[in-house]
Protein backbone atom coordinates (compact mmCIF):
# COMPACT_ATOMS: atom_id res chain seq x y z
CA MET A 1 -15.25 1.25 -7.40
CA LYS A 2 -14.03 2.25 -3.86
CA LEU A 3 -14.43 -0.70 -1.39
CA VAL A 4 -13.63 -0.72 2.54
CA THR A 5 -13.68 -3.17 5.15
CA CYS A 6 -15.47 -1.71 7.91
CA ILE A 7 -17.13 -2.50 11.31
CA LEU A 8 -20.82 -2.13 11.50
CA GLU A 9 -23.22 -3.59 14.54
CA ASP A 10 -19.93 -5.29 15.99
CA SER A 11 -19.00 -7.20 12.83
CA GLU A 12 -16.89 -7.00 9.79
CA HIS A 13 -18.52 -5.76 6.71
CA LEU A 14 -17.67 -5.00 2.89
CA ALA A 15 -18.75 -1.77 1.80
CA PHE A 16 -19.02 0.75 -1.15
CA LEU A 17 -17.26 3.94 -0.05
CA ILE A 18 -18.85 7.22 -2.09
CA GLY A 19 -17.30 10.37 -0.97
CA ILE A 20 -17.64 10.19 2.99
CA SER A 21 -20.68 7.81 2.56
CA ILE A 22 -20.48 3.95 3.32
CA TYR A 23 -23.09 1.57 1.80
CA PRO A 24 -22.71 -1.94 3.04
CA CYS A 25 -22.61 -3.99 -0.11
CA ARG A 26 -24.84 -6.83 1.35
CA LYS A 27 -27.62 -4.32 1.96
CA VAL A 28 -27.44 -3.13 -1.75
CA ASP A 29 -27.63 -6.49 -2.98
CA SER A 30 -28.34 -9.51 -1.05
CA LYS A 31 -26.24 -11.39 -3.69
CA PHE A 32 -23.21 -9.49 -3.46
CA PRO A 33 -20.15 -10.58 -1.25
CA ASP A 34 -19.91 -9.49 2.47
CA SER A 35 -16.14 -9.70 2.70
CA MET A 36 -13.08 -8.56 0.70
CA ASP A 37 -12.04 -12.08 0.39
CA LYS A 38 -15.13 -13.31 -1.21
CA TYR A 39 -15.22 -10.21 -3.39
CA LEU A 40 -11.74 -10.93 -4.51
CA HIS A 41 -12.78 -14.72 -5.18
CA ALA A 42 -16.21 -13.64 -7.09
CA ALA A 43 -17.25 -14.33 -10.58
CA LEU A 44 -16.76 -11.50 -13.01
CA SER A 45 -20.63 -11.41 -13.22
CA ILE A 46 -20.84 -10.27 -9.89
CA LYS A 47 -18.03 -7.85 -9.89
CA ALA A 48 -19.65 -6.47 -12.77
CA ALA A 49 -23.08 -6.07 -10.90
CA MET A 50 -21.35 -4.40 -8.01
CA LYS A 51 -19.96 -1.94 -10.53
CA ASP A 52 -22.95 -1.11 -11.78
CA ALA A 53 -24.79 -1.05 -8.27
CA TYR A 54 -21.91 1.44 -7.60
CA GLN A 55 -22.32 3.67 -10.38
CA LYS A 56 -26.14 3.91 -9.57
CA LEU A 57 -25.18 4.87 -6.03
CA PHE A 58 -22.60 7.39 -7.14
CA SER A 59 -25.05 9.14 -9.62
CA SER A 60 -27.68 9.26 -7.11
CA LYS A 61 -28.46 12.51 -5.05
CA ASN A 62 -30.77 11.10 -2.59
CA GLU A 63 -30.17 7.83 -1.75
CA GLU A 64 -29.69 8.06 2.10
CA THR A 65 -27.02 6.10 4.29
CA HIS A 66 -26.53 6.10 8.07
CA HIS A 67 -23.17 5.11 7.96
CA THR A 68 -20.03 7.66 7.08
CA LEU A 69 -16.29 7.98 7.60
CA ALA A 70 -17.24 10.00 10.67
CA ASN A 71 -19.14 7.47 12.45
CA THR A 72 -17.67 4.07 11.15
CA ILE A 73 -14.50 2.32 12.14
CA LEU A 74 -12.44 1.36 8.92
CA GLU A 75 -10.06 -1.99 9.01
CA ALA A 76 -7.51 -2.56 6.60
CA PRO A 77 -9.41 -2.96 3.07
CA ILE A 78 -7.89 -6.71 2.91
CA PRO A 79 -7.53 -7.32 6.82
CA ARG A 80 -5.92 -10.90 6.13
CA PRO A 81 -3.79 -11.03 2.90
CA GLY A 82 -3.05 -14.62 1.67
CA SER A 83 0.64 -13.34 1.19
CA LEU A 84 2.44 -9.95 1.33
CA ARG A 85 5.26 -8.85 -0.74
CA ASP A 86 7.20 -5.55 -1.00
CA ALA A 87 9.05 -4.54 -4.21
CA TYR A 88 12.11 -2.17 -4.96
CA ALA A 89 10.65 -0.24 -8.09
CA PHE A 90 11.84 3.32 -7.44
CA ARG A 91 15.20 3.83 -8.70
CA GLN A 92 15.48 7.24 -6.71
CA HIS A 93 14.90 5.67 -3.44
CA VAL A 94 17.60 2.77 -4.20
CA ALA A 95 20.18 5.04 -5.56
CA THR A 96 19.77 8.06 -2.99
CA SER A 97 19.73 5.38 0.11
CA ARG A 98 22.86 3.66 -1.27
CA ARG A 99 24.59 7.01 -2.08
CA ASN A 100 23.85 8.07 1.51
CA ARG A 101 25.87 4.86 2.63
CA GLY A 102 28.60 5.58 0.36
CA LEU A 103 27.62 2.81 -2.13
CA ALA A 104 27.46 3.04 -5.71
CA MET A 105 24.02 2.16 -7.56
CA ILE A 106 23.84 -1.71 -8.17
CA PRO A 107 23.37 -2.32 -11.86
CA GLU A 108 21.30 -5.44 -11.03
CA PHE A 109 18.40 -2.95 -10.35
CA ASP A 110 17.96 -2.53 -13.79
CA GLN A 111 18.08 -6.26 -14.56
CA PHE A 112 14.90 -7.61 -12.84
CA PRO A 113 12.46 -6.48 -10.22
CA VAL A 114 13.24 -7.58 -6.49
CA PHE A 115 10.94 -8.07 -3.70
CA TYR A 116 10.79 -9.43 -0.03
CA PHE A 117 8.26 -11.16 2.05
CA SER A 118 6.61 -9.36 4.85
CA ASN A 119 4.37 -10.48 7.70
CA HIS A 120 0.64 -10.96 6.12
CA ARG A 121 -0.57 -11.32 9.69
CA ALA A 122 0.47 -8.04 10.87
CA ILE A 123 -1.61 -6.00 8.81
CA TYR A 124 -3.06 -2.65 10.06
CA GLY A 125 -5.68 -0.38 8.71
CA PRO A 126 -6.43 3.49 9.48
CA GLY A 127 -5.92 4.30 13.23
CA ALA A 128 -3.36 3.19 15.77
CA VAL A 129 -0.23 1.08 14.98
CA SER A 130 1.29 -0.72 18.12
CA CYS A 131 4.78 -0.83 18.68
CA MET A 132 7.15 -2.30 20.94
CA PRO A 133 9.92 -0.42 22.64
CA LYS A 134 12.57 -1.82 20.22
CA HIS A 135 10.43 -0.98 17.35
CA VAL A 136 10.50 2.92 18.33
CA ASP A 137 14.49 3.02 17.98
CA LYS A 138 14.66 4.72 14.87
CA LEU A 139 11.00 4.07 13.72
CA ASP A 140 10.24 4.97 10.26
CA PHE A 141 7.42 5.13 7.70
CA GLU A 142 7.63 4.37 3.87
CA LEU A 143 5.22 6.08 1.64
CA GLU A 144 4.24 3.28 -1.07
CA VAL A 145 1.12 2.06 -3.02
CA ALA A 146 0.07 -1.54 -3.07
CA ILE A 147 -1.88 -3.75 -5.30
CA VAL A 148 -4.07 -6.84 -4.55
CA ILE A 149 -4.11 -9.81 -6.93
CA ASP A 150 -7.86 -11.09 -7.86
CA LYS A 151 -7.06 -14.06 -10.20
CA GLN A 152 -5.22 -17.59 -9.77
CA GLY A 153 -2.45 -17.56 -11.95
CA LYS A 154 1.47 -18.89 -12.42
CA ASN A 155 3.93 -17.76 -15.02
CA ILE A 156 2.10 -14.58 -16.03
CA THR A 157 3.59 -12.38 -18.52
CA ALA A 158 4.13 -8.80 -17.99
CA SER A 159 1.65 -8.04 -21.09
CA GLU A 160 -1.22 -9.75 -19.35
CA ALA A 161 -0.34 -9.32 -15.55
CA ASP A 162 -2.37 -6.04 -15.11
CA SER A 163 -5.87 -7.85 -15.50
CA TYR A 164 -4.41 -9.76 -12.38
CA ILE A 165 -4.76 -6.81 -10.39
CA GLY A 166 -7.89 -6.43 -8.06
CA GLY A 167 -7.21 -2.95 -6.97
CA PHE A 168 -4.89 -0.25 -5.56
CA MET A 169 -4.20 0.95 -2.07
CA ILE A 170 -2.24 3.35 0.05
CA MET A 171 0.62 1.44 1.82
CA ASN A 172 2.80 2.44 4.71
CA ASP A 173 5.57 -0.16 5.50
CA ILE A 174 6.30 0.75 8.98
CA SER A 175 10.25 -0.24 9.66
CA ALA A 176 12.18 -0.35 12.88
CA ARG A 177 15.49 0.86 11.27
CA ALA A 178 17.85 -0.05 14.26
CA LEU A 179 16.62 -3.69 14.28
CA GLN A 180 16.69 -4.00 10.40
CA MET A 181 20.46 -2.52 10.26
CA GLU A 182 21.29 -5.20 12.94
CA GLU A 183 19.86 -7.75 10.97
CA MET A 184 20.72 -7.08 7.57
CA LYS A 185 24.40 -7.38 8.43
CA LEU A 186 23.65 -11.10 7.68
CA ASN A 187 22.37 -10.90 4.24
CA LEU A 188 19.20 -12.38 4.72
CA GLY A 189 17.01 -9.13 4.12
CA PRO A 190 14.74 -7.40 6.52
CA ALA A 191 13.00 -9.65 9.22
CA LYS A 192 12.15 -8.01 12.68
CA GLY A 193 12.44 -4.59 11.15
CA LYS A 194 9.51 -5.11 9.03
CA ASP A 195 7.21 -8.02 10.43
CA PHE A 196 5.37 -6.43 13.14
CA ALA A 197 3.37 -3.61 11.21
CA THR A 198 2.17 -2.87 7.56
CA VAL A 199 -0.42 -0.44 7.23
CA ILE A 200 -2.53 -0.62 3.84
CA GLY A 201 -5.79 1.58 3.25
CA PRO A 202 -7.99 3.38 3.62
CA CYS A 203 -9.88 1.70 0.59
CA LEU A 204 -9.39 -0.71 -2.37
CA VAL A 205 -9.61 1.26 -5.40
CA THR A 206 -10.29 -0.64 -8.84
CA ALA A 207 -8.60 0.19 -11.78
CA ASP A 208 -11.06 1.90 -14.03
CA GLU A 209 -11.32 4.74 -11.13
CA LEU A 210 -7.67 5.40 -12.19
CA GLU A 211 -7.98 5.40 -15.89
CA LYS A 212 -8.04 9.25 -16.03
CA TYR A 213 -4.63 9.12 -14.34
CA ARG A 214 -2.91 6.59 -16.72
CA VAL A 215 0.15 7.56 -18.49
CA ASP A 216 2.68 5.56 -20.37
CA PRO A 217 5.52 3.59 -18.72
CA PRO A 218 8.93 3.99 -18.83
CA VAL A 219 10.73 3.30 -22.12
CA GLY A 220 11.59 -0.18 -22.49
CA HIS A 221 9.15 -1.26 -19.82
CA ILE A 222 5.61 -3.07 -19.83
CA GLY A 223 2.37 -2.28 -17.91
CA VAL A 224 0.11 0.43 -16.79
CA CYS A 225 1.13 3.21 -14.94
CA TYR A 226 -0.55 6.10 -13.36
CA ASP A 227 0.29 9.90 -12.38
CA LEU A 228 -0.58 9.79 -9.00
CA GLU A 229 1.05 12.46 -6.75
CA MET A 230 2.05 10.89 -3.28
CA THR A 231 2.57 12.68 0.10
CA CYS A 232 3.24 11.91 3.74
CA SER A 233 2.86 14.35 6.47
CA VAL A 234 3.96 13.69 10.24
CA ASN A 235 2.37 16.07 12.85
CA GLY A 236 0.82 18.18 10.39
CA LYS A 237 4.33 18.70 8.69
CA LEU A 238 4.88 17.66 5.06
CA VAL A 239 7.68 15.63 4.99
CA SER A 240 7.50 13.48 2.04
CA LYS A 241 6.42 13.96 -1.96
CA GLY A 242 6.53 11.99 -4.86
CA ASN A 243 4.79 10.24 -7.68
CA LEU A 244 3.57 6.85 -8.68
CA ARG A 245 4.36 7.51 -12.33
CA ASP A 246 8.23 7.44 -11.42
CA MET A 247 8.18 3.61 -10.65
CA ASN A 248 10.90 2.18 -12.83
CA TRP A 249 9.54 -1.25 -12.71
CA THR A 250 5.84 -1.45 -13.38
CA PHE A 251 3.31 -3.60 -11.40
CA ALA A 252 2.77 -5.90 -14.42
CA GLU A 253 6.52 -6.47 -14.35
CA ILE A 254 6.53 -7.10 -10.80
CA ILE A 255 3.70 -9.54 -10.87
CA GLU A 256 5.59 -11.22 -13.81
CA ARG A 257 8.75 -11.72 -11.57
CA VAL A 258 6.32 -12.83 -8.66
CA SER A 259 4.75 -15.19 -10.40
CA TYR A 260 7.69 -16.96 -12.34
CA GLY A 261 7.45 -20.92 -11.29
CA VAL A 262 4.64 -20.20 -8.35
CA GLU A 263 0.99 -19.48 -8.28
CA VAL A 264 -0.33 -16.14 -7.09
CA PHE A 265 -3.85 -16.04 -5.54
CA PRO A 266 -6.74 -13.65 -5.16
CA GLY A 267 -5.87 -11.88 -1.87
CA ASP A 268 -2.00 -11.73 -2.38
CA VAL A 269 -0.87 -8.18 -1.62
CA ILE A 270 2.03 -6.62 -3.33
CA GLY A 271 3.90 -3.05 -2.43
CA SER A 272 5.55 -0.94 -4.77
CA GLY A 273 8.55 -0.21 -2.30
CA THR A 274 9.54 3.25 -1.49
CA VAL A 275 8.74 6.27 -3.63
CA GLY A 276 11.89 8.67 -3.65
CA THR A 277 11.93 10.71 -0.40
CA GLY A 278 9.49 8.43 1.06
CA CYS A 279 11.14 7.88 4.46
CA PHE A 280 13.04 9.22 7.03
CA LEU A 281 16.08 6.84 6.58
CA GLU A 282 16.58 8.49 2.87
CA LEU A 283 15.60 12.13 4.24
CA ASN A 284 17.85 11.91 7.20
CA GLY A 285 20.80 10.37 4.89
CA THR A 286 20.56 13.28 2.42
CA ALA A 287 20.41 15.99 4.90
CA LYS A 288 23.33 14.54 6.80
CA LEU A 289 25.46 14.76 3.58
CA HIS A 290 24.83 18.43 3.41
CA ASP A 291 24.99 18.89 6.87
CA PRO A 292 26.78 16.65 9.19
CA SER A 293 25.31 18.11 12.16
CA HIS A 294 21.56 17.43 11.08
CA LYS A 295 19.48 15.85 13.79
CA GLU A 296 17.86 12.84 12.71
CA GLN A 297 13.94 12.48 12.87
CA TRP A 298 12.35 9.35 13.40
CA LEU A 299 8.75 8.46 14.57
CA GLN A 300 7.87 8.62 18.29
CA ILE A 301 5.07 7.42 20.50
CA GLY A 302 1.92 9.61 19.56
CA ASP A 303 2.83 10.85 16.20
CA GLN A 304 0.37 11.37 13.58
CA ILE A 305 1.11 10.15 9.95
CA VAL A 306 -1.03 10.87 6.93
CA MET A 307 -0.44 9.75 3.62
CA GLU A 308 -2.41 10.92 0.77
CA VAL A 309 -2.24 9.46 -2.78
CA THR A 310 -4.48 10.85 -5.80
CA GLY A 311 -7.30 8.67 -6.29
CA LEU A 312 -6.59 6.44 -3.44
CA GLY A 313 -7.55 8.66 -0.56
CA ARG A 314 -6.28 9.64 2.57
CA LEU A 315 -4.64 7.08 5.09
CA GLN A 316 -4.20 8.43 8.97
CA ASN A 317 -2.28 6.53 11.30
CA TYR A 318 -0.94 7.30 14.86
CA ILE A 319 2.00 5.58 16.88
CA ILE A 320 1.12 3.97 20.18
CA ALA A 321 3.29 1.82 22.80
CA ALA A 322 2.31 -1.83 22.91
CA ASN A 323 0.79 -3.23 26.00
CA ASN A 324 3.01 -6.49 25.80
């Protein structure tokens, strides 16, 4: 299934997305949940019934709908995550970023997956992303994929962790690099450089939709992986291209690490970390190694950012100045 959270008749609703058509779940069947949070907490029987209804709609050529992507406002699929963690799963991004700063690759990367907590109350969907003046000092995108948990659990093993994934989304971990570089000198990780905006969307895609893209995990690793091309364009120009199959740590292994000694809950969101070449920080650093006079590129007010991931859709945003 592909599920969206959208605004219909001035209120928030959960809906099926089929092509460009939007079908409010509650109107398809009054027993279906009308919010993403209720869906993620729903019984397996309800989720199975929703999948059947989705397939019937998908197969129907004559089912009418008044709602489409062209006339409906989409919010983030999960507007209010219970928590937000972001991992560091792509070796290429880590190694290149360290090399560009004159640092050797850190051996701990290959020993365990790491993550940090971000602000689960600063979530954006498609559309405008509001930034304060200090955010726009070296403002950056980060091209990622995120998952959402849909079962409560603790001390989950990697071999069982994929069954805790409720779906997949594109994620743009917007980053204020000047703030981030300042605060990370104190060795507590990113905070103000990351806490103002994380974009997810445009829809939540369940794992069955991605089965045809499934590939083997990296040698020595456990978990489901997918061959999904990932791209980012800024103002119509392609700036980044990667693939989700290049994750060195799988989502299953990340969930194992995340859940060690703590509960995870339906609605918890976990990002993959940035794909190789997936941000201006990395691209600028690499370009300057080859040409010290290279003019750095960063996001500006008014810039249009389009991220596309095979099977997950197209996430479009633009940067605006905050009013206060």
